[in-house]
Structures are given as C-alpha cells and as structure tokens.
Amino acid sequence: MARFTRTTQRTLVAASAMTVAALALAGCSGSSEGESGDTLVLWHYEGEDSAMGKAWDAAIEVFQEENPDVTVEFEAKGFEQIRSTASQVLNSDEAPDVMEYNKGNATAGLLASQGLLTDLNEVVAEYGWDELLAPSLQTTAKYSADGVMGGDTWYGVPNYGEFVTVYYNEDMFAAAGLEVPTTYDEFIDVLDAFVAEGITPLAEAGAEYPLGQLWYQLALSQADRQWVDDYQLYANPVDWQGEQISYATETLKEYIDAGYISADVAGMKAEDAGTAFIAGQYPIFVSGSWWYGRFLSEITDFELGLFPFPGSDLSLGSSGNLWVVPENAQNKELAYKFIDITMRPEIQAIIGNNGGLPVAANEADITDEASLKLISAFNAVTAQDGLAFYPDWPTPTFYDAIVANLQELANGTATPEQVQTSLGEEYDSYAEQYWQ
C-alpha cells in the first residue's frame, strides 16, 4: 500500500540484475563449504547501485573474511515479494537467518506480535547497538506485545535513516535578493516575496504524499514529543479539532489561498512536483531525503540548497528499514555478527558517501561534500530527538484518507473543520483499540 514514507515506494530492481547479483555473491563463497558447514542465509531488497546495496555488499565481504568457514547465501528479493509472503515464509523452515523488513506497526510490528521475529533485547545490549541509535530511531525498532512501535522489546535494527527537509533553488533566491529563512516569519516573508514576483514558491502534489507531508510538518511545528506519541503510538486520544491539527489544516488552506501553492495541486503527483522543481519552475520543495541523490544528478541549471523547516523542532522522518532475525532462523549468532558489521563506521561511511543517511557514521569519514551536507542536516535533527515519523502510519488506510481529504481542501469542497472531522473519525475507528 502507498505510504508517506519513501521507503515503501522504492522502485524494485529488475529481476535479472538481482539474480546476477545473487549468483555472483553465492559464487564468492566458493563451491565447497567450510569445515563447519555453517551457512548464513541473507535476504534484502536494495538495488545493487543504491547506497545500502553497496554498503551491504561490502559487509558481506567483511563477514566472509572474518568467518571463512561460513557460506553466505544471499538472496535478492523484491520489496513486495518479502512484504506479501513474510508471515508464511517466516512461519516455516524456509526462513532466512537475517532479512531486511519494513518498519512500522503493520509490518515489523505485526510479525513481532505473531511471534515470528526474535527478541533482540539481550543481543542489542551485548553489541551496544542501542548506544548508536537516537531515541526516535529506536522507536521503529522496538514493539509492544501487540505490535505497536515504541514498545520495550527490540525486534529489529536499523542502520540508515530518512527525513523530510526544505530544498531550495539558490539561484532563484539570489535573483530575488532573498536569504535563507531561519524563523517561520522569515519563511512567510520569502513566500510572499516570490508571490509578489508572480512565482508560485512551493512545489507541491495533492494526488500523492507531498501535500500530506507539508500538512503534518505544519502540525509538528505546534507539537511536542508527547503529541507525537499520542498520534503515532496511541499514548492518548488525539484531539482532531485541537491546536496542532487545526493549525496545520487552516494554515495549509491559507497557503493555497495566498498562492504559495498551485491552484492545480489536487491533481499533481509527487513526480510532477519533483520534476518541476528540478526544472526550476518552483524555488522551494518540502520533501524527503530520498530525492537528494536524484536532485544532485539531474539539476544542472542551478545550485541546490537545503534548510530545516523554520520554527519547528520536529521533522518527518524515521529510521530506515530494519534488519530482523526470524524466530525460526537456523543461525542466529551468525545473523547478529552480520548486523554488527553493518553498524561499523567503515560500512556506515559507504552508505553516507553514496547518498544514503547512515545512523552511526563518523562525519570525518564522509568524503563526499554533497553527502556530508545532507548527513549533517539529518544528524542535527536526530541530535535533538526530532524525528516524528509520517502522518499516515497510525492506521492501515490513513494514506488514502489523508490524500482524499486534502484534495477536497485544496479544491474548496471541504472546510478545514470538515477535513479534520473526517480524518478524526478514520483515525479513531482504528486507534481506539489501543487506548486504555
């Protein structure tokens, strides 16, 4: 199902390329097994050329060097392939020893609640992984007995992250004589200045996730960690006519009415917004770190900059996907060794130098200047425990509900209060099962 987090929207790598990669890696282990006969079965769905794919290939090499008597059987899977078959496969003797799996209540949390994932509490403490991960990164790795993230038990380990920031066209700012805003009032002044020049400032898309991300970011600007816990972890009921959500919905409507956002936003998709920003049609795009590598490679006519959303200590974002160890895994100790290698600074640096966001890298190891800019911005967010997840996470059907309701807001067929009432009913019908 579509989500507001880019992780679950990743394009699948062609099956033929994945097969070649799998055969090549299997060949690296040799045709004869070591004397111990031990085998590490590893599944993940990252592309060979992605930051994580490159880093994990390197981790496999290190693992094989340090464990020469172990055969690594890497099987490249598609995201949807793992998602749709995980429960059945992990409940059989065909389970891998370690695999990548999506974080969240409906995915890793569900498998944990079904007893299909290994409790990693003792292992995390033994290897010290908890010391490498900020609290908001840990939230998506730990689940309660009923599968709600933020619980007491570790069921996965993330080694990369993602977040939403503000991208901007430095050349358009310079031409308009504008500085990067550091306060929310200055941000509004920038938007007004572009409108005065006949330029719509914000690249947006109402038919997919971007508009919902902006809506949630506006709510976060009025929120604190307790509100995030209420919204995302069902700690307490959420007031859908309260300060945070009312501000977000009413302000988004004001943005549309003021011309900060295109009047056609309801019909625009994320790709429309992104390519329009790349083409220099809009000076600002509020969206995720998953765009960064593409922007660097495709933007040729202007200098790309980024800054945190002004006036907010909280940002959309989370850990990336998780390494999980199935309860039925045959070689759990080998799985733990492999996970630990992926957390080492040298492997984390590979993620960072290839456009990813490592969670435990030394910034001194990041030699790519553009990558360092993004990593530094991400580290600034995690340093203040500022990751606040994504707006659609609380219910399995919330993505579609948010998109549809914000389209009605943009089209003028629903008021902010009506949008909030509709979303609140959808949210409450699912979340009420967790309230005490």
Protein backbone atom coordinates (compact mmCIF):
# COMPACT_ATOMS: atom_id res chain seq x y z
CA MET A 1 0.00 0.00 0.00
CA ALA A 2 1.23 3.52 -0.72
CA ARG A 3 2.76 5.30 2.25
CA PHE A 4 4.00 8.76 3.06
CA THR A 5 7.46 7.33 3.72
CA ARG A 6 9.53 6.89 0.59
CA THR A 7 10.99 3.62 1.86
CA THR A 8 7.93 1.67 0.85
CA GLN A 9 7.71 3.40 -2.51
CA ARG A 10 11.20 2.34 -3.64
CA THR A 11 11.35 1.19 -7.24
CA LEU A 12 12.05 -2.52 -7.48
CA VAL A 13 15.28 -3.53 -9.18
CA ALA A 14 14.96 -5.60 -12.33
CA ALA A 15 14.77 -9.28 -11.54
CA SER A 16 17.55 -10.18 -13.94
CA ALA A 17 20.01 -7.81 -12.30
CA MET A 18 19.07 -9.10 -8.87
CA THR A 19 19.59 -12.68 -9.99
CA VAL A 20 23.04 -11.87 -11.34
CA ALA A 21 23.93 -10.21 -8.04
CA ALA A 22 22.69 -13.20 -6.08
CA LEU A 23 24.66 -15.67 -8.22
CA ALA A 24 27.78 -13.55 -8.03
CA LEU A 25 27.61 -13.39 -4.26
CA ALA A 26 26.90 -17.09 -3.99
CA GLY A 27 29.96 -17.69 -6.16
CA CYS A 28 32.11 -15.66 -3.81
CA SER A 29 31.53 -18.25 -1.09
CA GLY A 30 33.03 -20.99 -3.24
CA SER A 31 31.59 -24.27 -4.36
CA SER A 32 32.68 -26.08 -1.21
CA GLU A 33 31.51 -25.18 2.25
CA GLY A 34 33.83 -24.61 5.18
CA GLU A 35 34.51 -27.44 7.59
CA SER A 36 31.79 -26.22 9.95
CA GLY A 37 29.16 -26.39 7.21
CA ASP A 38 27.53 -23.24 8.64
CA THR A 39 25.54 -21.06 6.29
CA LEU A 40 24.21 -17.52 6.68
CA VAL A 41 21.04 -17.01 4.62
CA LEU A 42 20.52 -13.31 3.94
CA TRP A 43 17.61 -11.55 2.20
CA HIS A 44 17.26 -7.91 1.26
CA TYR A 45 15.64 -5.85 -1.48
CA GLU A 46 18.04 -2.94 -2.00
CA GLY A 47 19.35 -2.31 -5.52
CA GLU A 48 22.98 -3.06 -6.30
CA ASP A 49 23.70 0.60 -7.04
CA SER A 50 21.88 2.01 -4.02
CA ALA A 51 23.80 3.29 -1.01
CA MET A 52 22.57 0.42 1.14
CA GLY A 53 23.16 -2.20 -1.55
CA LYS A 54 26.77 -1.11 -1.92
CA ALA A 55 27.32 -0.99 1.83
CA TRP A 56 25.78 -4.38 2.45
CA ASP A 57 27.80 -5.98 -0.35
CA ALA A 58 30.88 -4.67 1.45
CA ALA A 59 29.56 -6.02 4.75
CA ILE A 60 29.16 -9.47 3.18
CA GLU A 61 32.79 -9.35 2.07
CA VAL A 62 33.93 -8.40 5.57
CA PHE A 63 31.77 -11.13 7.09
CA GLN A 64 33.29 -13.74 4.78
CA GLU A 65 36.83 -12.56 5.58
CA GLU A 66 36.14 -12.83 9.31
CA ASN A 67 34.20 -16.10 9.04
CA PRO A 68 35.95 -18.10 6.31
CA ASP A 69 34.22 -21.36 7.28
CA VAL A 70 30.76 -19.88 6.72
CA THR A 71 28.94 -19.84 3.39
CA VAL A 72 26.86 -16.73 2.71
CA GLU A 73 23.73 -17.41 0.68
CA PHE A 74 22.44 -14.02 -0.38
CA GLU A 75 19.00 -13.99 -1.99
CA ALA A 76 17.93 -10.71 -3.59
CA LYS A 77 14.21 -10.21 -3.09
CA GLY A 78 11.70 -7.62 -4.23
CA PHE A 79 10.07 -5.42 -1.60
CA GLU A 80 6.58 -6.63 -2.43
CA GLN A 81 7.80 -10.23 -2.54
CA ILE A 82 9.01 -10.05 1.05
CA ARG A 83 6.05 -7.99 2.26
CA SER A 84 3.40 -10.30 0.85
CA THR A 85 4.95 -13.63 1.87
CA ALA A 86 6.76 -12.83 5.12
CA SER A 87 4.23 -14.33 7.52
CA GLN A 88 4.03 -17.63 5.64
CA VAL A 89 7.76 -17.97 4.99
CA LEU A 90 8.84 -16.97 8.49
CA ASN A 91 6.41 -19.49 9.94
CA SER A 92 8.19 -22.30 8.07
CA ASP A 93 11.60 -23.94 7.97
CA GLU A 94 12.42 -21.82 4.90
CA ALA A 95 13.05 -18.66 6.94
CA PRO A 96 16.34 -16.83 6.30
CA ASP A 97 18.76 -16.09 9.12
CA VAL A 98 18.57 -12.33 8.65
CA MET A 99 16.49 -10.16 6.36
CA GLU A 100 15.53 -6.57 5.63
CA TYR A 101 11.97 -5.75 6.59
CA ASN A 102 9.88 -2.61 6.68
CA LYS A 103 9.42 -0.85 9.99
CA GLY A 104 6.03 0.05 11.41
CA ASN A 105 3.02 -1.39 13.20
CA ALA A 106 1.51 -3.10 10.16
CA THR A 107 4.79 -4.74 9.10
CA ALA A 108 7.55 -5.49 11.61
CA GLY A 109 5.12 -4.94 14.47
CA LEU A 110 2.67 -7.44 13.04
CA LEU A 111 5.35 -10.12 12.64
CA ALA A 112 6.59 -9.46 16.16
CA SER A 113 3.06 -9.82 17.60
CA GLN A 114 2.75 -13.15 15.78
CA GLY A 115 5.92 -14.47 17.42
CA LEU A 116 7.78 -14.66 14.10
CA LEU A 117 10.70 -12.38 15.00
CA THR A 118 13.47 -12.92 17.54
CA ASP A 119 13.53 -10.83 20.70
CA LEU A 120 16.83 -8.94 20.35
CA ASN A 121 16.97 -7.20 23.73
CA GLU A 122 19.97 -9.13 25.05
CA VAL A 123 21.76 -9.02 21.72
CA VAL A 124 21.31 -5.24 21.36
CA ALA A 125 22.76 -4.74 24.84
CA GLU A 126 25.64 -7.13 24.14
CA TYR A 127 26.68 -5.40 20.92
CA GLY A 128 25.86 -1.87 22.11
CA TRP A 129 23.63 -1.03 19.15
CA ASP A 130 21.32 0.97 21.40
CA GLU A 131 24.19 3.39 22.08
CA LEU A 132 24.47 4.13 18.36
CA LEU A 133 20.81 4.96 17.75
CA ALA A 134 18.95 8.11 18.78
CA PRO A 135 15.69 7.53 20.73
CA SER A 136 13.46 8.37 17.75
CA LEU A 137 15.41 5.87 15.63
CA GLN A 138 14.92 3.22 18.29
CA THR A 139 11.15 3.73 18.28
CA THR A 140 10.67 1.92 14.98
CA ALA A 141 12.90 -0.96 16.10
CA LYS A 142 11.03 -1.72 19.35
CA TYR A 143 7.48 -3.06 19.69
CA SER A 144 4.96 -3.95 22.34
CA ALA A 145 3.36 -7.38 22.67
CA ASP A 146 0.50 -6.29 20.39
CA GLY A 147 2.88 -4.95 17.74
CA VAL A 148 2.81 -1.20 18.41
CA MET A 149 6.12 0.53 17.81
CA GLY A 150 7.83 2.24 20.70
CA GLY A 151 7.46 -0.80 22.96
CA ASP A 152 10.01 -2.40 25.27
CA THR A 153 11.33 -5.16 23.04
CA TRP A 154 13.84 -4.85 20.21
CA TYR A 155 12.78 -6.82 17.14
CA GLY A 156 14.95 -5.11 14.55
CA VAL A 157 18.00 -2.94 14.00
CA PRO A 158 18.12 -0.04 11.51
CA ASN A 159 21.40 1.16 10.04
CA TYR A 160 20.21 4.05 7.89
CA GLY A 161 17.63 6.80 8.16
CA GLU A 162 15.42 9.21 6.22
CA PHE A 163 13.85 12.60 6.88
CA VAL A 164 11.99 15.49 5.30
CA THR A 165 13.68 18.84 4.80
CA VAL A 166 13.31 22.01 2.72
CA TYR A 167 15.07 22.02 -0.66
CA TYR A 168 15.56 25.35 -2.37
CA ASN A 169 16.86 26.86 -5.59
CA GLU A 170 19.80 29.03 -4.55
CA ASP A 171 19.83 30.89 -7.86
CA MET A 172 16.16 31.89 -7.62
CA PHE A 173 16.71 33.08 -4.04
CA ALA A 174 19.72 35.15 -5.14
CA ALA A 175 17.86 36.64 -8.10
CA ALA A 176 15.07 37.74 -5.76
CA GLY A 177 17.53 39.09 -3.20
CA LEU A 178 16.35 36.61 -0.57
CA GLU A 179 18.23 34.96 2.29
CA VAL A 180 17.61 31.52 3.74
CA PRO A 181 14.90 31.95 6.40
CA THR A 182 15.77 30.98 9.96
CA THR A 183 12.39 31.78 11.53
CA TYR A 184 8.86 30.98 10.44
CA ASP A 185 8.05 34.67 9.93
CA GLU A 186 11.05 34.96 7.63
CA PHE A 187 9.83 31.88 5.76
CA ILE A 188 6.46 33.52 5.14
CA ASP A 189 8.25 36.69 4.01
CA VAL A 190 10.14 34.59 1.44
CA LEU A 191 6.91 33.03 0.18
CA ASP A 192 5.26 36.45 -0.09
CA ALA A 193 8.25 37.85 -1.97
CA PHE A 194 8.05 35.16 -4.63
CA VAL A 195 4.29 35.58 -4.99
CA ALA A 196 4.82 39.31 -5.46
CA GLU A 197 7.08 38.46 -8.42
CA GLY A 198 4.44 36.20 -9.93
CA ILE A 199 6.22 32.99 -8.86
CA THR A 200 4.42 30.16 -7.06
CA PRO A 201 7.01 29.34 -4.38
CA LEU A 202 6.16 25.80 -3.25
CA ALA A 203 6.37 22.72 -5.47
CA GLU A 204 3.56 20.52 -4.15
CA ALA A 205 1.45 17.49 -5.03
CA GLY A 206 -2.01 16.74 -3.68
CA ALA A 207 -2.60 13.46 -5.50
CA GLU A 208 0.20 11.77 -3.54
CA TYR A 209 2.25 12.18 -0.40
CA PRO A 210 3.90 15.67 -0.58
CA LEU A 211 0.89 17.75 0.46
CA GLY A 212 0.22 15.42 3.37
CA GLN A 213 3.83 15.76 4.44
CA LEU A 214 3.55 19.56 4.46
CA TRP A 215 0.29 19.33 6.42
CA TYR A 216 1.91 17.11 9.04
CA GLN A 217 5.01 19.34 9.20
CA LEU A 218 2.78 22.30 9.99
CA ALA A 219 1.17 20.29 12.79
CA LEU A 220 4.60 19.33 14.10
CA SER A 221 5.59 22.99 14.26
CA GLN A 222 2.96 23.36 17.02
CA ALA A 223 3.63 19.99 18.68
CA ASP A 224 5.93 18.34 21.18
CA ARG A 225 7.10 14.76 21.67
CA GLN A 226 4.05 13.89 23.79
CA TRP A 227 1.73 14.86 20.94
CA VAL A 228 3.75 12.70 18.55
CA ASP A 229 3.49 9.79 20.98
CA ASP A 230 -0.27 10.31 21.19
CA TYR A 231 -0.66 10.48 17.41
CA GLN A 232 1.76 7.73 16.42
CA LEU A 233 1.84 5.40 19.43
CA TYR A 234 -1.73 5.80 20.69
CA ALA A 235 -0.49 7.00 24.08
CA ASN A 236 -3.61 9.15 24.47
CA PRO A 237 -6.57 10.11 22.25
CA VAL A 238 -5.80 12.86 19.73
CA ASP A 239 -7.97 15.99 19.58
CA TRP A 240 -8.73 16.37 15.88
CA GLN A 241 -10.09 19.87 16.40
CA GLY A 242 -7.21 20.78 18.70
CA GLU A 243 -4.41 23.30 18.32
CA GLN A 244 -1.91 21.24 16.33
CA ILE A 245 -4.18 19.78 13.67
CA SER A 246 -6.38 22.86 13.35
CA TYR A 247 -3.29 24.99 12.79
CA ALA A 248 -2.00 22.59 10.14
CA THR A 249 -5.24 22.37 8.17
CA GLU A 250 -6.14 26.04 8.39
CA THR A 251 -2.60 27.13 7.51
CA LEU A 252 -2.47 24.79 4.53
CA LYS A 253 -5.72 26.35 3.29
CA GLU A 254 -4.18 29.80 3.76
CA TYR A 255 -1.14 28.70 1.71
CA ILE A 256 -3.40 27.68 -1.16
CA ASP A 257 -5.49 30.86 -0.98
CA ALA A 258 -2.35 33.04 -0.83
CA GLY A 259 -0.86 31.49 -3.95
CA TYR A 260 2.02 29.78 -2.15
CA ILE A 261 0.82 26.52 -3.73
CA SER A 262 -0.51 25.95 -7.24
CA ALA A 263 -4.27 26.02 -7.66
CA ASP A 264 -3.89 22.73 -9.56
CA VAL A 265 -2.22 20.98 -6.65
CA ALA A 266 -5.01 18.42 -6.11
CA GLY A 267 -4.23 16.72 -9.42
CA MET A 268 -0.45 16.77 -9.15
CA LYS A 269 1.64 13.74 -8.21
CA ALA A 270 4.96 13.60 -6.42
CA GLU A 271 6.85 13.10 -9.67
CA ASP A 272 5.17 16.22 -11.08
CA ALA A 273 6.33 18.29 -8.12
CA GLY A 274 9.84 16.87 -8.12
CA THR A 275 10.47 17.28 -11.83
CA ALA A 276 9.02 20.79 -11.79
CA PHE A 277 11.44 21.70 -9.00
CA ILE A 278 14.30 20.15 -10.97
CA ALA A 279 13.26 22.24 -13.99
CA GLY A 280 13.45 25.43 -11.94
CA GLN A 281 9.72 26.15 -12.04
CA TYR A 282 9.42 26.42 -8.25
CA PRO A 283 12.05 27.72 -5.81
CA ILE A 284 11.11 25.50 -2.81
CA PHE A 285 10.20 21.85 -2.30
CA VAL A 286 9.43 20.38 1.14
CA SER A 287 10.10 16.67 0.83
CA GLY A 288 12.29 13.74 1.74
CA SER A 289 15.95 12.81 1.68
CA TRP A 290 15.14 10.14 -0.92
CA TRP A 291 15.08 12.94 -3.55
CA TYR A 292 18.55 14.19 -2.75
CA GLY A 293 20.63 11.88 -4.94
CA ARG A 294 18.35 12.45 -7.90
CA PHE A 295 18.47 16.19 -7.43
CA LEU A 296 22.25 16.13 -7.39
CA SER A 297 22.40 14.15 -10.61
CA GLU A 298 19.60 15.86 -12.55
CA ILE A 299 19.79 19.51 -11.51
CA THR A 300 22.18 21.24 -13.89
CA ASP A 301 20.86 24.78 -14.20
CA PHE A 302 21.02 25.96 -10.59
CA GLU A 303 22.67 25.37 -7.24
CA LEU A 304 20.71 23.18 -4.82
CA GLY A 305 20.44 24.11 -1.15
CA LEU A 306 18.53 22.84 1.85
CA PHE A 307 17.44 24.12 5.23
CA PRO A 308 15.30 22.80 8.12
CA PHE A 309 11.64 23.79 8.21
CA PRO A 310 11.76 27.07 10.17
CA GLY A 311 10.11 27.27 13.55
CA SER A 312 9.89 23.54 14.21
CA ASP A 313 11.95 21.27 16.43
CA LEU A 314 10.27 18.18 14.95
CA SER A 315 10.61 16.83 11.42
CA LEU A 316 9.07 14.00 9.46
CA GLY A 317 11.41 11.04 9.30
CA SER A 318 12.45 7.81 10.93
CA SER A 319 14.91 5.03 10.77
CA GLY A 320 15.12 3.18 7.52
CA ASN A 321 14.06 -0.44 7.25
CA LEU A 322 15.19 -3.00 9.79
CA TRP A 323 17.44 -6.00 9.95
CA VAL A 324 15.27 -8.65 11.60
CA VAL A 325 16.14 -12.18 12.69
CA PRO A 326 13.28 -14.66 12.20
CA GLU A 327 12.39 -16.78 15.22
CA ASN A 328 12.89 -19.86 13.02
CA ALA A 329 16.35 -18.79 11.80
CA GLN A 330 18.90 -21.61 11.88
CA ASN A 331 21.99 -19.49 12.54
CA LYS A 332 21.03 -16.56 14.74
CA GLU A 333 24.54 -15.94 16.08
CA LEU A 334 25.83 -15.52 12.54
CA ALA A 335 22.98 -13.10 11.84
CA TYR A 336 24.00 -10.99 14.82
CA LYS A 337 27.59 -10.87 13.61
CA PHE A 338 26.48 -9.68 10.19
CA ILE A 339 24.20 -6.97 11.61
CA ASP A 340 27.07 -5.74 13.76
CA ILE A 341 29.32 -5.39 10.72
CA THR A 342 26.72 -3.17 9.01
CA MET A 343 26.86 -0.84 12.02
CA ARG A 344 30.64 -0.35 11.83
CA PRO A 345 31.91 3.10 10.87
CA GLU A 346 33.56 1.90 7.66
CA ILE A 347 30.30 0.33 6.39
CA GLN A 348 28.28 3.30 7.57
CA ALA A 349 30.65 5.55 5.62
CA ILE A 350 29.83 3.65 2.41
CA ILE A 351 26.14 4.42 2.96
CA GLY A 352 26.99 8.07 3.58
CA ASN A 353 29.33 8.53 0.63
CA ASN A 354 26.77 7.09 -1.77
CA GLY A 355 23.83 9.33 -0.98
CA GLY A 356 22.34 7.45 1.99
CA LEU A 357 21.83 8.54 5.58
CA PRO A 358 23.90 6.38 7.95
CA VAL A 359 22.84 6.26 11.58
CA ALA A 360 26.26 5.66 13.12
CA ALA A 361 28.86 7.14 10.77
CA ASN A 362 31.74 9.39 11.75
CA GLU A 363 31.27 12.60 9.79
CA ALA A 364 35.04 12.69 9.28
CA ASP A 365 34.69 9.52 7.19
CA ILE A 366 32.28 11.17 4.74
CA THR A 367 34.43 12.45 1.91
CA ASP A 368 31.65 13.45 -0.47
CA GLU A 369 30.86 17.11 0.22
CA ALA A 370 27.26 16.98 -1.01
CA SER A 371 26.53 13.85 1.02
CA LEU A 372 28.01 15.45 4.12
CA LYS A 373 25.62 18.39 3.77
CA LEU A 374 22.61 16.06 3.94
CA ILE A 375 24.09 13.89 6.71
CA SER A 376 24.88 16.93 8.84
CA ALA A 377 21.29 18.12 8.46
CA PHE A 378 19.98 14.68 9.44
CA ASN A 379 22.34 14.45 12.42
CA ALA A 380 21.13 17.84 13.64
CA VAL A 381 17.57 16.50 13.69
CA THR A 382 18.44 13.23 15.45
CA ALA A 383 20.66 15.02 17.96
CA GLN A 384 17.58 16.76 19.36
CA ASP A 385 15.40 13.64 19.04
CA GLY A 386 13.47 15.41 16.34
CA LEU A 387 12.23 12.60 14.08
CA ALA A 388 8.44 12.39 14.26
CA PHE A 389 7.61 9.65 11.70
CA TYR A 390 4.96 10.07 8.96
CA PRO A 391 1.31 11.18 9.03
CA ASP A 392 -0.23 8.02 7.60
CA TRP A 393 1.41 5.50 9.92
CA PRO A 394 -1.31 5.23 12.60
CA THR A 395 -3.81 3.24 10.51
CA PRO A 396 -3.54 0.87 7.52
CA THR A 397 -5.89 3.06 5.44
CA PHE A 398 -4.77 6.52 6.52
CA TYR A 399 -2.69 7.30 3.44
CA ASP A 400 -5.71 7.27 1.16
CA ALA A 401 -7.80 9.16 3.71
CA ILE A 402 -5.25 11.97 4.04
CA VAL A 403 -4.78 12.31 0.27
CA ALA A 404 -8.53 12.39 -0.42
CA ASN A 405 -9.36 14.86 2.34
CA LEU A 406 -6.55 17.27 1.49
CA GLN A 407 -7.58 17.17 -2.17
CA GLU A 408 -11.05 18.29 -1.07
CA LEU A 409 -9.46 21.04 1.00
CA ALA A 410 -7.42 22.19 -2.00
CA ASN A 411 -10.44 22.11 -4.29
CA GLY A 412 -12.57 24.06 -1.84
CA THR A 413 -15.13 21.27 -1.49
CA ALA A 414 -14.40 20.77 2.22
CA THR A 415 -13.58 23.17 5.04
CA PRO A 416 -10.67 22.61 7.43
CA GLU A 417 -13.11 21.57 10.14
CA GLN A 418 -14.78 19.04 7.83
CA VAL A 419 -11.40 17.61 6.81
CA GLN A 420 -10.39 17.23 10.44
CA THR A 421 -13.68 15.58 11.37
CA SER A 422 -13.36 13.07 8.53
CA LEU A 423 -9.76 12.23 9.37
CA GLY A 424 -10.53 12.04 13.07
CA GLU A 425 -13.29 9.50 12.52
CA GLU A 426 -10.97 7.37 10.38
CA TYR A 427 -8.16 7.60 12.92
CA ASP A 428 -10.30 6.95 15.99
CA SER A 429 -12.00 3.91 14.50
CA TYR A 430 -8.61 2.19 14.40
CA ALA A 431 -6.70 3.75 17.30
CA GLU A 432 -9.39 3.29 19.95
CA GLN A 433 -8.48 -0.40 20.33
CA TYR A 434 -5.17 0.69 21.90
CA TRP A 435 -6.45 3.28 24.36
CA GLN A 436 -6.68 2.24 27.97
